[in-house]
């Protein structure tokens, strides 16, 4: 939300069914459900969550979102575009199903659900395709799996994770989860492109509790197999030292 923005109290519906709706300069104090296509929320403050459903799609731009303390996500669903946002609270900051762009945003300070047994993440996906996560800062707190996490409960494909700062966290097992998990998870991971990200070392020198990255599927020449189309390049520690998975 740009400095100096003057907000008015939002009086519209919290379920947006129409397409091409634009909400700007509003203080929104309810969970938003987007059913319409090409909905835009910008220059606003949301005390609540934003979810798409069905064929709904939303652009959230220059907006602050406090997702609260629910066991869900501050922003969730498919067909999401998150640009230049400040998102905190809830179990996950962004849980994307498919077709998502998260760029130039600050995902941080989840509601700490560790005592409740929550598995938390900054950016999270557990099956789907078409993800662009570029030039964000991500810091997970609570009972975290990672700052940026792809868990192959289903197949995961075509994910670009580039130029992000993965903030060191002693709440997470690893800072980045980008790989298959044979024997535990059934999904196949393909076309994972991880480039030019910066990992903070943190106090233990590992970024997270166990290390910076949980596994990596080496590039495969066999279509529809783990690692097909994968790229790892230019990733480094915050002192400039190259980081290999």
Protein backbone atom coordinates (compact mmCIF):
# COMPACT_ATOMS: atom_id res chain seq x y z
CA UNK A 1 0.00 0.00 0.00
CA UNK A 2 1.67 3.25 -1.07
CA UNK A 3 2.54 5.70 1.70
CA UNK A 4 -0.08 8.39 2.12
CA UNK A 5 -2.93 6.32 0.71
CA UNK A 6 -6.24 7.42 2.24
CA UNK A 7 -8.55 4.47 2.81
CA UNK A 8 -12.32 4.35 2.96
CA UNK A 9 -14.28 1.61 4.71
CA UNK A 10 -15.27 -1.15 2.30
CA UNK A 11 -19.03 -1.60 2.12
CA UNK A 12 -19.26 -4.01 -0.80
CA UNK A 13 -19.94 -7.73 -0.74
CA UNK A 14 -17.30 -10.01 0.71
CA UNK A 15 -18.19 -12.57 -1.97
CA UNK A 16 -17.36 -11.12 -5.37
CA UNK A 17 -19.35 -12.87 -8.07
CA UNK A 18 -19.01 -10.38 -10.93
CA UNK A 19 -16.01 -10.21 -13.23
CA UNK A 20 -13.71 -7.22 -13.85
CA UNK A 21 -14.48 -5.68 -10.45
CA UNK A 22 -11.88 -3.18 -9.16
CA UNK A 23 -11.55 -2.45 -5.43
CA UNK A 24 -9.09 0.36 -4.63
CA UNK A 25 -8.13 2.45 -1.61
CA UNK A 26 -10.32 0.43 0.75
CA UNK A 27 -10.05 -0.84 4.33
CA UNK A 28 -11.56 -4.32 4.10
CA UNK A 29 -12.51 -6.11 7.32
CA UNK A 30 -13.85 -9.43 6.11
CA UNK A 31 -12.63 -12.52 4.26
CA UNK A 32 -12.92 -12.02 0.51
CA UNK A 33 -14.08 -14.86 -1.74
CA UNK A 34 -13.54 -14.27 -5.45
CA UNK A 35 -15.84 -16.14 -7.83
CA UNK A 36 -15.63 -13.65 -10.72
CA UNK A 37 -12.81 -13.39 -13.24
CA UNK A 38 -10.22 -10.64 -13.48
CA UNK A 39 -11.02 -9.07 -10.11
CA UNK A 40 -8.52 -6.44 -8.89
CA UNK A 41 -7.80 -5.37 -5.31
CA UNK A 42 -5.19 -2.62 -5.03
CA UNK A 43 -3.83 0.05 -2.70
CA UNK A 44 -5.85 -1.40 0.18
CA UNK A 45 -5.66 -2.94 3.65
CA UNK A 46 -7.32 -6.30 4.25
CA UNK A 47 -7.94 -7.63 7.75
CA UNK A 48 -8.95 -11.07 6.59
CA UNK A 49 -8.14 -13.55 3.87
CA UNK A 50 -8.52 -13.63 0.08
CA UNK A 51 -9.50 -16.84 -1.70
CA UNK A 52 -10.49 -17.68 -5.24
CA UNK A 53 -12.99 -20.41 -5.97
CA UNK A 54 -14.01 -22.15 -9.18
CA UNK A 55 -12.87 -20.10 -12.18
CA UNK A 56 -12.34 -16.98 -10.07
CA UNK A 57 -9.15 -14.97 -10.61
CA UNK A 58 -7.71 -12.02 -8.73
CA UNK A 59 -4.89 -9.50 -8.92
CA UNK A 60 -3.83 -8.15 -5.52
CA UNK A 61 -1.46 -5.21 -5.85
CA UNK A 62 0.18 -2.76 -3.42
CA UNK A 63 -1.96 -4.14 -0.60
CA UNK A 64 -1.35 -5.17 3.03
CA UNK A 65 -3.06 -8.36 4.19
CA UNK A 66 -3.32 -9.53 7.79
CA UNK A 67 -4.61 -13.07 7.50
CA UNK A 68 -5.22 -13.42 11.24
CA UNK A 69 -4.95 -16.69 13.13
CA UNK A 70 -6.92 -19.17 11.03
CA UNK A 71 -5.64 -22.62 10.13
CA UNK A 72 -5.66 -21.74 6.43
CA UNK A 73 -3.87 -19.12 4.31
CA UNK A 74 -3.85 -15.36 3.95
CA UNK A 75 -4.17 -15.73 0.16
CA UNK A 76 -5.26 -19.00 -1.40
CA UNK A 77 -6.65 -20.68 -4.47
CA UNK A 78 -5.81 -20.78 -8.16
CA UNK A 79 -5.41 -17.98 -10.70
CA UNK A 80 -3.71 -15.60 -8.26
CA UNK A 81 -1.50 -12.62 -9.05
CA UNK A 82 0.20 -11.08 -6.02
CA UNK A 83 2.27 -7.97 -6.77
CA UNK A 84 4.08 -5.72 -4.31
CA UNK A 85 2.08 -6.88 -1.31
CA UNK A 86 2.81 -7.13 2.41
CA UNK A 87 1.25 -10.37 3.67
CA UNK A 88 1.39 -11.80 7.18
CA UNK A 89 -0.62 -13.92 9.62
CA UNK A 90 -2.48 -17.22 9.20
CA UNK A 91 -0.94 -20.66 8.59
CA UNK A 92 0.44 -19.95 5.11
CA UNK A 93 0.92 -16.57 3.48
CA UNK A 94 0.17 -17.77 -0.06
CA UNK A 95 -1.19 -21.24 -0.83
CA UNK A 96 -1.38 -21.48 -4.60
CA UNK A 97 -3.13 -24.39 -6.30
CA UNK A 98 -2.16 -23.55 -9.92
CA UNK A 99 -1.59 -20.57 -12.21
CA UNK A 100 -0.06 -18.10 -9.78
CA UNK A 101 2.38 -15.21 -9.86
CA UNK A 102 3.88 -13.83 -6.65
CA UNK A 103 6.31 -11.00 -7.27
CA UNK A 104 8.03 -8.17 -5.38
CA UNK A 105 6.21 -9.06 -2.16
CA UNK A 106 7.02 -9.55 1.53
CA UNK A 107 5.61 -12.81 2.94
CA UNK A 108 6.34 -13.05 6.65
CA UNK A 109 5.37 -13.73 10.23
CA UNK A 110 2.77 -16.43 10.02
CA UNK A 111 0.52 -16.88 13.02
CA UNK A 112 2.58 -19.20 15.21
CA UNK A 113 0.65 -22.45 15.25
CA UNK A 114 3.52 -24.69 16.30
CA UNK A 115 1.85 -25.61 19.59
CA UNK A 116 -1.22 -26.65 17.58
CA UNK A 117 0.82 -28.94 15.33
CA UNK A 118 0.51 -26.76 12.22
CA UNK A 119 2.88 -27.16 9.28
CA UNK A 120 3.37 -23.62 8.00
CA UNK A 121 4.95 -21.99 4.97
CA UNK A 122 5.49 -18.61 3.36
CA UNK A 123 4.65 -19.76 -0.18
CA UNK A 124 3.08 -23.23 -0.41
CA UNK A 125 1.92 -25.63 -3.11
CA UNK A 126 1.06 -29.31 -2.85
CA UNK A 127 0.27 -30.16 -6.46
CA UNK A 128 -0.46 -28.18 -9.62
CA UNK A 129 1.26 -26.25 -12.38
CA UNK A 130 2.34 -22.82 -13.58
CA UNK A 131 3.95 -20.96 -10.69
CA UNK A 132 6.05 -17.81 -10.88
CA UNK A 133 7.67 -16.73 -7.60
CA UNK A 134 10.06 -13.88 -8.34
CA UNK A 135 11.88 -11.20 -6.33
CA UNK A 136 10.16 -11.71 -2.98
CA UNK A 137 11.40 -11.78 0.60
CA UNK A 138 9.98 -14.76 2.51
CA UNK A 139 10.25 -15.46 6.24
CA UNK A 140 8.23 -18.25 7.85
CA UNK A 141 7.63 -18.52 11.59
CA UNK A 142 5.76 -21.15 13.62
CA UNK A 143 5.97 -24.87 12.91
CA UNK A 144 7.35 -24.29 9.42
CA UNK A 145 8.18 -26.68 6.65
CA UNK A 146 9.93 -23.91 4.70
CA UNK A 147 9.93 -20.36 3.45
CA UNK A 148 9.05 -21.57 -0.09
CA UNK A 149 7.64 -25.07 -0.30
CA UNK A 150 6.46 -27.43 -3.03
CA UNK A 151 5.18 -30.72 -1.60
CA UNK A 152 4.34 -33.37 -4.25
CA UNK A 153 1.08 -34.71 -2.85
CA UNK A 154 0.15 -34.41 -6.53
CA UNK A 155 2.25 -33.72 -9.61
CA UNK A 156 4.02 -30.34 -9.60
CA UNK A 157 5.22 -28.75 -12.84
CA UNK A 158 6.41 -25.51 -14.41
CA UNK A 159 7.53 -23.59 -11.34
CA UNK A 160 9.95 -20.66 -11.61
CA UNK A 161 11.52 -19.57 -8.31
CA UNK A 162 13.96 -16.74 -9.00
CA UNK A 163 15.67 -13.78 -7.33
CA UNK A 164 14.01 -14.32 -3.96
CA UNK A 165 15.51 -13.69 -0.53
CA UNK A 166 14.89 -16.70 1.68
CA UNK A 167 15.19 -15.24 5.14
CA UNK A 168 16.95 -17.43 7.70
CA UNK A 169 14.49 -18.99 10.12
CA UNK A 170 14.97 -21.27 13.09
CA UNK A 171 11.28 -22.20 12.81
CA UNK A 172 11.64 -24.16 9.54
CA UNK A 173 13.15 -27.51 8.65
CA UNK A 174 14.57 -26.11 5.37
CA UNK A 175 14.29 -22.74 3.64
CA UNK A 176 13.34 -24.23 0.26
CA UNK A 177 11.54 -27.46 -0.66
CA UNK A 178 11.81 -27.98 -4.45
CA UNK A 179 12.01 -31.75 -4.92
CA UNK A 180 10.20 -35.06 -5.13
CA UNK A 181 9.92 -37.34 -2.11
CA UNK A 182 9.95 -40.95 -3.39
CA UNK A 183 8.43 -43.44 -1.02
CA UNK A 184 6.51 -40.76 0.87
CA UNK A 185 4.76 -38.53 -1.68
CA UNK A 186 3.22 -39.76 -4.95
CA UNK A 187 3.66 -36.67 -7.13
CA UNK A 188 6.18 -36.18 -9.95
CA UNK A 189 8.19 -32.93 -10.01
CA UNK A 190 9.09 -31.53 -13.43
CA UNK A 191 10.20 -28.20 -14.93
CA UNK A 192 11.35 -26.75 -11.60
CA UNK A 193 13.49 -23.70 -12.45
CA UNK A 194 15.34 -22.35 -9.40
CA UNK A 195 17.70 -19.49 -10.24
CA UNK A 196 19.50 -16.55 -8.64
CA UNK A 197 17.95 -16.85 -5.17
CA UNK A 198 19.74 -15.65 -2.04
CA UNK A 199 19.70 -17.73 1.14
CA UNK A 200 20.51 -16.10 4.48
CA UNK A 201 22.79 -18.26 6.59
CA UNK A 202 21.34 -17.24 9.95
CA UNK A 203 22.78 -17.97 13.36
CA UNK A 204 23.47 -21.66 12.69
CA UNK A 205 24.87 -21.04 9.21
CA UNK A 206 22.23 -23.29 7.57
CA UNK A 207 19.34 -20.89 6.77
CA UNK A 208 16.94 -23.23 8.61
CA UNK A 209 17.18 -26.01 11.18
CA UNK A 210 18.62 -28.72 8.92
CA UNK A 211 19.84 -26.83 5.88
CA UNK A 212 18.93 -24.48 3.04
CA UNK A 213 17.36 -26.93 0.57
CA UNK A 214 15.47 -30.21 0.93
CA UNK A 215 16.72 -32.30 -1.97
CA UNK A 216 16.87 -31.63 -5.68
CA UNK A 217 15.91 -33.80 -8.64
CA UNK A 218 18.78 -33.82 -11.09
CA UNK A 219 17.70 -33.01 -14.66
CA UNK A 220 16.20 -36.03 -16.37
CA UNK A 221 16.02 -36.75 -20.11
CA UNK A 222 12.84 -38.77 -19.67
CA UNK A 223 9.56 -36.84 -19.99
CA UNK A 224 7.15 -37.15 -17.07
CA UNK A 225 9.87 -38.29 -14.69
CA UNK A 226 11.21 -36.45 -11.65
CA UNK A 227 13.67 -33.77 -12.73
CA UNK A 228 12.58 -33.44 -16.35
CA UNK A 229 13.13 -29.82 -17.39
CA UNK A 230 14.74 -28.88 -14.07
CA UNK A 231 17.23 -25.98 -13.84
CA UNK A 232 19.36 -24.96 -10.83
CA UNK A 233 21.58 -21.94 -11.45
CA UNK A 234 23.02 -18.87 -9.74
CA UNK A 235 21.70 -19.58 -6.25
CA UNK A 236 23.91 -18.34 -3.45
CA UNK A 237 24.36 -17.60 0.21
CA UNK A 238 23.98 -13.98 1.29
CA UNK A 239 27.78 -13.57 1.31
CA UNK A 240 27.89 -14.35 -2.42
CA UNK A 241 29.12 -17.94 -2.03
CA UNK A 242 27.58 -20.34 -4.52
CA UNK A 243 24.98 -22.72 -3.11
CA UNK A 244 24.54 -26.15 -4.63
CA UNK A 245 21.61 -28.40 -3.70
